[in-house]
Amino acid sequence: MAFRRGTEVDKLKGLDGPGLVFITYPEALSMMPGASFWSLLFFLMLITIGLDSSFGGSEAIITGISDQFPKTIKKHREVFIACLFTVYFLVGLAFMSQGGTYLFSLFDTFTAQYSIVFVVFCEAIAVSWFYGVERVSGDIKEMLGFHPGLFWRTCWTVVSPAILLAIVIGGFVTYKPLTVNDYKYPGWVMAIGWILACSSMACIPIVAIYKLVTTKGSIKEKFLKNITTPKQYPEMPERDGVLWYSPTIHNGTRL
């Protein structure tokens, strides 16, 4: 592509963001033998990735709200899902406008680079340290019949949280004002971006502070009580150093 345009690779535009998918890759595919076939596969892949991402994110929202308000949502589940996807549609219209590329870059930078990684880091800590890697291993052994090896337990407890924390810190250290196509975003737009990022990240410390304030006892008791997950089935014994939770298992024997 750089040769055809008579320029150098680092001076090509569209090598990041939406331009990479909708400009660079299609142009590269058009130069290949059987361009129509490869282009069909490429955009079919994009559609399936988009649908998969949408279903996964939507299911997380639907499940969370349904668990919080089971009686209300269960009676009107179809209406709730219709309203949710209507909101998706209305929000998506903004990205189809003439300034959609700039809006997309703003959301992509402040949600993918900061919010998602921070939330996943907190999830990794909650699952591997608070819930406990041995409990996770016990759940997996109950479902699949084998205990995860040392490699996976080390990744869950140390490697993954360390990498995620490094990404979060690196994102803040290397922060610089957002620019797209030589357009520098004004300060008030960057403030909106940080509000978007903090709107999801702030939920974790806010709920943590709320639980500490509302829990009875000393500071140490409050902290320990909130980070300790109670046994799902207290009557179940330990076996091989792993807690077993299934109500179909008693004294190591399946009922």
C-alpha atoms as a PDB file:
ATOM      1  CA  MET A   1       0.000   0.000   0.000  1.00  0.00           C
ATOM      2  CA  ALA A   2       2.811   2.391   0.835  1.00  0.00           C
ATOM      3  CA  PHE A   3       4.530   1.516  -2.467  1.00  0.00           C
ATOM      4  CA  ARG A   4       1.372   2.159  -4.489  1.00  0.00           C
ATOM      5  CA  ARG A   5       0.858   5.517  -2.804  1.00  0.00           C
ATOM      6  CA  GLY A   6       4.491   6.499  -3.101  1.00  0.00           C
ATOM      7  CA  THR A   7       4.976   7.061   0.613  1.00  0.00           C
ATOM      8  CA  GLU A   8       6.396   5.337   3.669  1.00  0.00           C
ATOM      9  CA  VAL A   9       4.551   2.933   5.951  1.00  0.00           C
ATOM     10  CA  ASP A  10       4.639   5.183   9.019  1.00  0.00           C
ATOM     11  CA  LYS A  11       2.973   7.953   6.998  1.00  0.00           C
ATOM     12  CA  LEU A  12      -0.022   5.862   5.949  1.00  0.00           C
ATOM     13  CA  LYS A  13      -3.335   6.916   7.423  1.00  0.00           C
ATOM     14  CA  GLY A  14      -5.947   4.532   8.709  1.00  0.00           C
ATOM     15  CA  LEU A  15      -3.559   2.132  10.466  1.00  0.00           C
ATOM     16  CA  ASP A  16      -5.417   2.361  13.781  1.00  0.00           C
ATOM     17  CA  GLY A  17      -8.953   2.718  15.039  1.00  0.00           C
ATOM     18  CA  PRO A  18     -11.908   2.138  12.704  1.00  0.00           C
ATOM     19  CA  GLY A  19      -9.780   3.084   9.706  1.00  0.00           C
ATOM     20  CA  LEU A  20      -7.789  -0.119  10.110  1.00  0.00           C
ATOM     21  CA  VAL A  21     -10.911  -2.241   9.679  1.00  0.00           C
ATOM     22  CA  PHE A  22     -12.863  -0.219   7.132  1.00  0.00           C
ATOM     23  CA  ILE A  23     -10.057   1.332   5.053  1.00  0.00           C
ATOM     24  CA  THR A  24      -6.720  -0.434   5.381  1.00  0.00           C
ATOM     25  CA  TYR A  25      -7.821  -4.085   5.483  1.00  0.00           C
ATOM     26  CA  PRO A  26     -10.368  -3.769   2.636  1.00  0.00           C
ATOM     27  CA  GLU A  27      -7.770  -2.067   0.456  1.00  0.00           C
ATOM     28  CA  ALA A  28      -5.210  -4.755   1.289  1.00  0.00           C
ATOM     29  CA  LEU A  29      -7.742  -7.487   0.489  1.00  0.00           C
ATOM     30  CA  SER A  30      -8.535  -5.866  -2.856  1.00  0.00           C
ATOM     31  CA  MET A  31      -4.918  -6.454  -3.915  1.00  0.00           C
ATOM     32  CA  MET A  32      -5.055 -10.204  -3.208  1.00  0.00           C
ATOM     33  CA  PRO A  33      -6.028 -12.907  -5.719  1.00  0.00           C
ATOM     34  CA  GLY A  34      -9.682 -13.805  -5.215  1.00  0.00           C
ATOM     35  CA  ALA A  35     -10.357 -10.457  -3.557  1.00  0.00           C
ATOM     36  CA  SER A  36     -14.150 -10.922  -3.523  1.00  0.00           C
ATOM     37  CA  PHE A  37     -13.894 -14.217  -1.641  1.00  0.00           C
ATOM     38  CA  TRP A  38     -11.504 -12.897   1.010  1.00  0.00           C
ATOM     39  CA  SER A  39     -13.528  -9.703   1.416  1.00  0.00           C
ATOM     40  CA  LEU A  40     -16.681 -11.745   1.963  1.00  0.00           C
ATOM     41  CA  LEU A  41     -14.976 -13.819   4.662  1.00  0.00           C
ATOM     42  CA  PHE A  42     -13.492 -10.720   6.291  1.00  0.00           C
ATOM     43  CA  PHE A  43     -16.755  -8.814   6.646  1.00  0.00           C
ATOM     44  CA  LEU A  44     -18.601 -11.982   7.673  1.00  0.00           C
ATOM     45  CA  MET A  45     -16.031 -12.300  10.449  1.00  0.00           C
ATOM     46  CA  LEU A  46     -16.687  -8.687  11.492  1.00  0.00           C
ATOM     47  CA  ILE A  47     -20.435  -9.302  11.648  1.00  0.00           C
ATOM     48  CA  THR A  48     -20.050 -12.433  13.780  1.00  0.00           C
ATOM     49  CA  ILE A  49     -17.587 -10.697  16.133  1.00  0.00           C
ATOM     50  CA  GLY A  50     -19.974  -7.768  16.533  1.00  0.00           C
ATOM     51  CA  LEU A  51     -22.949 -10.017  17.224  1.00  0.00           C
ATOM     52  CA  ASP A  52     -20.983 -12.122  19.685  1.00  0.00           C
ATOM     53  CA  SER A  53     -19.767  -9.044  21.569  1.00  0.00           C
ATOM     54  CA  SER A  54     -23.270  -7.578  21.628  1.00  0.00           C
ATOM     55  CA  PHE A  55     -24.850 -10.786  22.928  1.00  0.00           C
ATOM     56  CA  GLY A  56     -22.208 -11.226  25.610  1.00  0.00           C
ATOM     57  CA  GLY A  57     -22.483  -7.678  26.898  1.00  0.00           C
ATOM     58  CA  SER A  58     -26.280  -7.684  26.708  1.00  0.00           C
ATOM     59  CA  GLU A  59     -26.535 -10.970  28.577  1.00  0.00           C
ATOM     60  CA  ALA A  60     -24.393  -9.544  31.389  1.00  0.00           C
ATOM     61  CA  ILE A  61     -26.746  -6.562  31.733  1.00  0.00           C
ATOM     62  CA  ILE A  62     -29.906  -8.664  31.463  1.00  0.00           C
ATOM     63  CA  THR A  63     -28.683 -11.260  33.957  1.00  0.00           C
ATOM     64  CA  GLY A  64     -27.483  -8.677  36.479  1.00  0.00           C
ATOM     65  CA  ILE A  65     -30.711  -6.670  36.457  1.00  0.00           C
ATOM     66  CA  SER A  66     -32.837  -9.840  36.400  1.00  0.00           C
ATOM     67  CA  ASP A  67     -31.054 -11.131  39.509  1.00  0.00           C
ATOM     68  CA  GLN A  68     -31.540  -7.793  41.249  1.00  0.00           C
ATOM     69  CA  PHE A  69     -35.249  -7.496  40.364  1.00  0.00           C
ATOM     70  CA  PRO A  70     -36.348 -11.074  39.612  1.00  0.00           C
ATOM     71  CA  LYS A  71     -40.109 -10.639  40.083  1.00  0.00           C
ATOM     72  CA  THR A  72     -40.397  -7.510  37.962  1.00  0.00           C
ATOM     73  CA  ILE A  73     -38.111  -8.568  35.097  1.00  0.00           C
ATOM     74  CA  LYS A  74     -39.435 -12.135  34.925  1.00  0.00           C
ATOM     75  CA  LYS A  75     -42.954 -10.927  34.193  1.00  0.00           C
ATOM     76  CA  HIS A  76     -41.844  -8.406  31.569  1.00  0.00           C
ATOM     77  CA  ARG A  77     -38.594  -9.906  30.216  1.00  0.00           C
ATOM     78  CA  GLU A  78     -39.467  -9.349  26.554  1.00  0.00           C
ATOM     79  CA  VAL A  79     -40.393  -5.704  27.174  1.00  0.00           C
ATOM     80  CA  PHE A  80     -37.183  -5.146  29.133  1.00  0.00           C
ATOM     81  CA  ILE A  81     -35.026  -6.637  26.367  1.00  0.00           C
ATOM     82  CA  ALA A  82     -36.868  -4.579  23.742  1.00  0.00           C
ATOM     83  CA  CYS A  83     -36.233  -1.389  25.729  1.00  0.00           C
ATOM     84  CA  LEU A  84     -32.563  -2.299  26.186  1.00  0.00           C
ATOM     85  CA  PHE A  85     -31.965  -2.816  22.478  1.00  0.00           C
ATOM     86  CA  THR A  86     -33.911   0.338  21.669  1.00  0.00           C
ATOM     87  CA  VAL A  87     -31.432   2.238  23.829  1.00  0.00           C
ATOM     88  CA  TYR A  88     -28.610   0.488  21.931  1.00  0.00           C
ATOM     89  CA  PHE A  89     -30.115   1.652  18.653  1.00  0.00           C
ATOM     90  CA  LEU A  90     -30.555   5.263  19.760  1.00  0.00           C
ATOM     91  CA  VAL A  91     -27.015   5.459  21.136  1.00  0.00           C
ATOM     92  CA  GLY A  92     -25.660   3.857  17.969  1.00  0.00           C
ATOM     93  CA  LEU A  93     -27.250   6.568  15.816  1.00  0.00           C
ATOM     94  CA  ALA A  94     -24.774   9.080  17.233  1.00  0.00           C
ATOM     95  CA  PHE A  95     -21.896   6.992  15.855  1.00  0.00           C
ATOM     96  CA  MET A  96     -23.477   7.087  12.384  1.00  0.00           C
ATOM     97  CA  SER A  97     -23.369  10.876  12.195  1.00  0.00           C
ATOM     98  CA  GLN A  98     -20.686  12.917  10.420  1.00  0.00           C
ATOM     99  CA  GLY A  99     -18.739  13.178  13.648  1.00  0.00           C
ATOM    100  CA  GLY A 100     -19.219   9.510  14.456  1.00  0.00           C
ATOM    101  CA  THR A 101     -15.544   8.682  13.943  1.00  0.00           C
ATOM    102  CA  TYR A 102     -14.502  11.225  16.549  1.00  0.00           C
ATOM    103  CA  LEU A 103     -17.152  10.029  18.986  1.00  0.00           C
ATOM    104  CA  PHE A 104     -16.111   6.429  18.425  1.00  0.00           C
ATOM    105  CA  SER A 105     -12.458   7.266  19.108  1.00  0.00           C
ATOM    106  CA  LEU A 106     -13.457   9.014  22.341  1.00  0.00           C
ATOM    107  CA  PHE A 107     -15.442   6.015  23.586  1.00  0.00           C
ATOM    108  CA  ASP A 108     -12.845   3.529  22.404  1.00  0.00           C
ATOM    109  CA  THR A 109      -9.996   5.310  24.173  1.00  0.00           C
ATOM    110  CA  PHE A 110     -11.623   5.938  27.536  1.00  0.00           C
ATOM    111  CA  THR A 111     -13.604   2.705  27.846  1.00  0.00           C
ATOM    112  CA  ALA A 112     -11.346   0.058  26.309  1.00  0.00           C
ATOM    113  CA  GLN A 113      -8.030   1.489  27.485  1.00  0.00           C
ATOM    114  CA  TYR A 114      -9.007   2.384  31.041  1.00  0.00           C
ATOM    115  CA  SER A 115     -12.431   1.212  32.254  1.00  0.00           C
ATOM    116  CA  ILE A 116     -12.562  -2.354  30.951  1.00  0.00           C
ATOM    117  CA  VAL A 117      -9.001  -3.206  31.982  1.00  0.00           C
ATOM    118  CA  PHE A 118      -9.521  -1.767  35.480  1.00  0.00           C
ATOM    119  CA  VAL A 119     -12.796  -3.657  35.976  1.00  0.00           C
ATOM    120  CA  VAL A 120     -11.256  -6.921  34.743  1.00  0.00           C
ATOM    121  CA  PHE A 121      -8.326  -6.411  37.127  1.00  0.00           C
ATOM    122  CA  CYS A 122     -10.742  -6.047  40.039  1.00  0.00           C
ATOM    123  CA  GLU A 123     -12.632  -9.141  38.875  1.00  0.00           C
ATOM    124  CA  ALA A 124      -9.407 -11.134  38.734  1.00  0.00           C
ATOM    125  CA  ILE A 125      -8.524 -10.099  42.296  1.00  0.00           C
ATOM    126  CA  ALA A 126     -12.044 -10.827  43.547  1.00  0.00           C
ATOM    127  CA  VAL A 127     -12.177 -14.304  42.017  1.00  0.00           C
ATOM    128  CA  SER A 128      -8.622 -15.495  42.658  1.00  0.00           C
ATOM    129  CA  TRP A 129      -7.989 -13.885  46.056  1.00  0.00           C
ATOM    130  CA  PHE A 130     -11.330 -13.169  47.732  1.00  0.00           C
ATOM    131  CA  TYR A 131     -13.397 -16.078  46.437  1.00  0.00           C
ATOM    132  CA  GLY A 132     -10.241 -18.145  46.403  1.00  0.00           C
ATOM    133  CA  VAL A 133      -8.360 -20.042  43.737  1.00  0.00           C
ATOM    134  CA  GLU A 134      -8.960 -23.309  45.606  1.00  0.00           C
ATOM    135  CA  ARG A 135     -12.689 -22.732  45.499  1.00  0.00           C
ATOM    136  CA  VAL A 136     -12.507 -22.021  41.785  1.00  0.00           C
ATOM    137  CA  SER A 137     -10.445 -25.170  41.324  1.00  0.00           C
ATOM    138  CA  GLY A 138     -13.012 -27.141  43.316  1.00  0.00           C
ATOM    139  CA  ASP A 139     -15.831 -25.820  41.120  1.00  0.00           C
ATOM    140  CA  ILE A 140     -13.921 -26.776  37.985  1.00  0.00           C
ATOM    141  CA  LYS A 141     -13.179 -30.240  39.361  1.00  0.00           C
ATOM    142  CA  GLU A 142     -16.859 -30.704  40.179  1.00  0.00           C
ATOM    143  CA  MET A 143     -17.888 -29.727  36.644  1.00  0.00           C
ATOM    144  CA  LEU A 144     -15.084 -31.231  34.546  1.00  0.00           C
ATOM    145  CA  GLY A 145     -13.729 -33.976  36.784  1.00  0.00           C
ATOM    146  CA  PHE A 146     -10.126 -32.763  37.096  1.00  0.00           C
ATOM    147  CA  HIS A 147      -8.256 -30.249  39.223  1.00  0.00           C
ATOM    148  CA  PRO A 148      -6.573 -27.313  37.377  1.00  0.00           C
ATOM    149  CA  GLY A 149      -2.796 -27.513  37.355  1.00  0.00           C
ATOM    150  CA  LEU A 150      -0.293 -25.254  39.057  1.00  0.00           C
ATOM    151  CA  PHE A 151       0.242 -23.261  35.859  1.00  0.00           C
ATOM    152  CA  TRP A 152      -3.392 -22.120  35.660  1.00  0.00           C
ATOM    153  CA  ARG A 153      -3.643 -21.366  39.364  1.00  0.00           C
ATOM    154  CA  THR A 154      -0.469 -19.284  39.170  1.00  0.00           C
ATOM    155  CA  CYS A 155      -1.821 -17.375  36.172  1.00  0.00           C
ATOM    156  CA  TRP A 156      -5.114 -16.662  37.933  1.00  0.00           C
ATOM    157  CA  THR A 157      -3.553 -15.496  41.187  1.00  0.00           C
ATOM    158  CA  VAL A 158      -0.346 -13.744  40.077  1.00  0.00           C
ATOM    159  CA  VAL A 159       0.328 -13.451  36.362  1.00  0.00           C
ATOM    160  CA  SER A 160      -3.025 -12.149  35.096  1.00  0.00           C
ATOM    161  CA  PRO A 161      -3.562  -9.552  37.872  1.00  0.00           C
ATOM    162  CA  ALA A 162       0.051  -8.348  37.459  1.00  0.00           C
ATOM    163  CA  ILE A 163      -0.301  -7.930  33.690  1.00  0.00           C
ATOM    164  CA  LEU A 164      -3.649  -6.161  34.025  1.00  0.00           C
ATOM    165  CA  LEU A 165      -2.260  -3.836  36.698  1.00  0.00           C
ATOM    166  CA  ALA A 166       0.721  -3.048  34.458  1.00  0.00           C
ATOM    167  CA  ILE A 167      -1.632  -2.204  31.584  1.00  0.00           C
ATOM    168  CA  VAL A 168      -3.693   0.091  33.798  1.00  0.00           C
ATOM    169  CA  ILE A 169      -0.626   1.893  35.155  1.00  0.00           C
ATOM    170  CA  GLY A 170       0.934   2.087  31.691  1.00  0.00           C
ATOM    171  CA  GLY A 171      -2.230   3.650  30.309  1.00  0.00           C
ATOM    172  CA  PHE A 172      -2.124   6.431  32.899  1.00  0.00           C
ATOM    173  CA  VAL A 173       1.633   6.970  32.570  1.00  0.00           C
ATOM    174  CA  THR A 174       1.551   7.225  28.766  1.00  0.00           C
ATOM    175  CA  TYR A 175      -1.605   9.351  28.729  1.00  0.00           C
ATOM    176  CA  LYS A 176      -1.662  12.145  26.178  1.00  0.00           C
ATOM    177  CA  PRO A 177      -4.465  14.288  24.710  1.00  0.00           C
ATOM    178  CA  LEU A 178      -6.504  12.430  22.110  1.00  0.00           C
ATOM    179  CA  THR A 179      -6.022  13.370  18.448  1.00  0.00           C
ATOM    180  CA  VAL A 180      -7.728  11.978  15.345  1.00  0.00           C
ATOM    181  CA  ASN A 181      -6.699  12.963  11.817  1.00  0.00           C
ATOM    182  CA  ASP A 182      -4.685  15.933  13.108  1.00  0.00           C
ATOM    183  CA  TYR A 183      -7.698  17.099  15.125  1.00  0.00           C
ATOM    184  CA  LYS A 184      -6.912  17.660  18.796  1.00  0.00           C
ATOM    185  CA  TYR A 185      -9.851  17.137  21.125  1.00  0.00           C
ATOM    186  CA  PRO A 186     -10.634  20.191  23.282  1.00  0.00           C
ATOM    187  CA  GLY A 187     -10.338  20.015  27.047  1.00  0.00           C
ATOM    188  CA  TRP A 188     -14.069  19.809  27.727  1.00  0.00           C
ATOM    189  CA  VAL A 189     -14.368  16.771  25.458  1.00  0.00           C
ATOM    190  CA  MET A 190     -11.492  15.072  27.289  1.00  0.00           C
ATOM    191  CA  ALA A 191     -13.322  15.818  30.551  1.00  0.00           C
ATOM    192  CA  ILE A 192     -16.386  14.017  29.163  1.00  0.00           C
ATOM    193  CA  GLY A 193     -14.130  11.103  28.277  1.00  0.00           C
ATOM    194  CA  TRP A 194     -12.808  10.848  31.826  1.00  0.00           C
ATOM    195  CA  ILE A 195     -16.368  11.037  33.161  1.00  0.00           C
ATOM    196  CA  LEU A 196     -17.245   8.098  30.894  1.00  0.00           C
ATOM    197  CA  ALA A 197     -14.258   6.153  32.176  1.00  0.00           C
ATOM    198  CA  CYS A 198     -14.925   6.927  35.842  1.00  0.00           C
ATOM    199  CA  SER A 199     -18.670   6.208  35.564  1.00  0.00           C
ATOM    200  CA  SER A 200     -17.927   2.477  35.522  1.00  0.00           C
ATOM    201  CA  MET A 201     -14.660   2.419  37.489  1.00  0.00           C
ATOM    202  CA  ALA A 202     -16.125   4.435  40.370  1.00  0.00           C
ATOM    203  CA  CYS A 203     -18.861   1.864  41.017  1.00  0.00           C
ATOM    204  CA  ILE A 204     -16.342  -0.552  42.560  1.00  0.00           C
ATOM    205  CA  PRO A 205     -14.871   1.748  45.268  1.00  0.00           C
ATOM    206  CA  ILE A 206     -18.280   3.333  45.939  1.00  0.00           C
ATOM    207  CA  VAL A 207     -19.906  -0.030  46.671  1.00  0.00           C
ATOM    208  CA  ALA A 208     -16.857  -1.098  48.708  1.00  0.00           C
ATOM    209  CA  ILE A 209     -17.074   2.026  50.868  1.00  0.00           C
ATOM    210  CA  TYR A 210     -20.840   1.582  51.258  1.00  0.00           C
ATOM    211  CA  LYS A 211     -20.413  -2.019  52.432  1.00  0.00           C
ATOM    212  CA  LEU A 212     -17.707  -1.010  54.919  1.00  0.00           C
ATOM    213  CA  VAL A 213     -19.873   1.770  56.332  1.00  0.00           C
ATOM    214  CA  THR A 214     -23.029  -0.339  56.657  1.00  0.00           C
ATOM    215  CA  THR A 215     -21.345  -3.471  58.052  1.00  0.00           C
ATOM    216  CA  LYS A 216     -21.259  -3.753  61.841  1.00  0.00           C
ATOM    217  CA  GLY A 217     -18.042  -4.300  63.815  1.00  0.00           C
ATOM    218  CA  SER A 218     -14.536  -2.886  63.935  1.00  0.00           C
ATOM    219  CA  ILE A 219     -12.632  -1.833  60.828  1.00  0.00           C
ATOM    220  CA  LYS A 220     -10.823  -5.167  60.693  1.00  0.00           C
ATOM    221  CA  GLU A 221     -14.046  -7.138  61.195  1.00  0.00           C
ATOM    222  CA  LYS A 222     -15.818  -5.112  58.516  1.00  0.00           C
ATOM    223  CA  PHE A 223     -13.002  -5.670  56.049  1.00  0.00           C
ATOM    224  CA  LEU A 224     -12.690  -9.404  56.705  1.00  0.00           C
ATOM    225  CA  LYS A 225     -16.438  -9.956  56.610  1.00  0.00           C
ATOM    226  CA  ASN A 226     -16.811  -8.230  53.241  1.00  0.00           C
ATOM    227  CA  ILE A 227     -13.899  -9.964  51.512  1.00  0.00           C
ATOM    228  CA  THR A 228     -14.768 -13.428  52.838  1.00  0.00           C
ATOM    229  CA  THR A 229     -17.152 -15.478  50.718  1.00  0.00           C
ATOM    230  CA  PRO A 230     -19.331 -17.793  52.844  1.00  0.00           C
ATOM    231  CA  LYS A 231     -19.469 -21.467  51.999  1.00  0.00           C
ATOM    232  CA  GLN A 232     -22.165 -22.234  49.502  1.00  0.00           C
ATOM    233  CA  TYR A 233     -22.983 -25.522  51.215  1.00  0.00           C
ATOM    234  CA  PRO A 234     -21.536 -25.369  54.768  1.00  0.00           C
ATOM    235  CA  GLU A 235     -22.380 -29.012  55.439  1.00  0.00           C
ATOM    236  CA  MET A 236     -20.061 -30.193  52.687  1.00  0.00           C
ATOM    237  CA  PRO A 237     -16.612 -31.444  53.808  1.00  0.00           C
ATOM    238  CA  GLU A 238     -13.182 -30.679  52.434  1.00  0.00           C
ATOM    239  CA  ARG A 239     -11.583 -33.250  50.161  1.00  0.00           C
ATOM    240  CA  ASP A 240      -8.012 -33.114  48.893  1.00  0.00           C
ATOM    241  CA  GLY A 241      -7.744 -29.625  50.352  1.00  0.00           C
ATOM    242  CA  VAL A 242     -10.624 -28.396  48.172  1.00  0.00           C
ATOM    243  CA  LEU A 243     -14.085 -27.410  49.373  1.00  0.00           C
ATOM    244  CA  TRP A 244     -16.851 -29.345  47.671  1.00  0.00           C
ATOM    245  CA  TYR A 245     -20.118 -27.520  47.188  1.00  0.00           C
ATOM    246  CA  SER A 246     -22.424 -29.797  45.246  1.00  0.00           C
ATOM    247  CA  PRO A 247     -25.494 -30.823  47.264  1.00  0.00           C
ATOM    248  CA  THR A 248     -25.292 -34.194  45.487  1.00  0.00           C
ATOM    249  CA  ILE A 249     -22.005 -35.019  47.252  1.00  0.00           C
ATOM    250  CA  HIS A 250     -21.793 -36.036  50.910  1.00  0.00           C
ATOM    251  CA  ASN A 251     -18.723 -37.429  52.658  1.00  0.00           C
ATOM    252  CA  GLY A 252     -16.975 -37.744  49.316  1.00  0.00           C
ATOM    253  CA  THR A 253     -19.740 -39.960  47.873  1.00  0.00           C
ATOM    254  CA  ARG A 254     -22.127 -38.904  45.139  1.00  0.00           C
ATOM    255  CA  LEU A 255     -25.706 -39.433  46.287  1.00  0.00           C
END
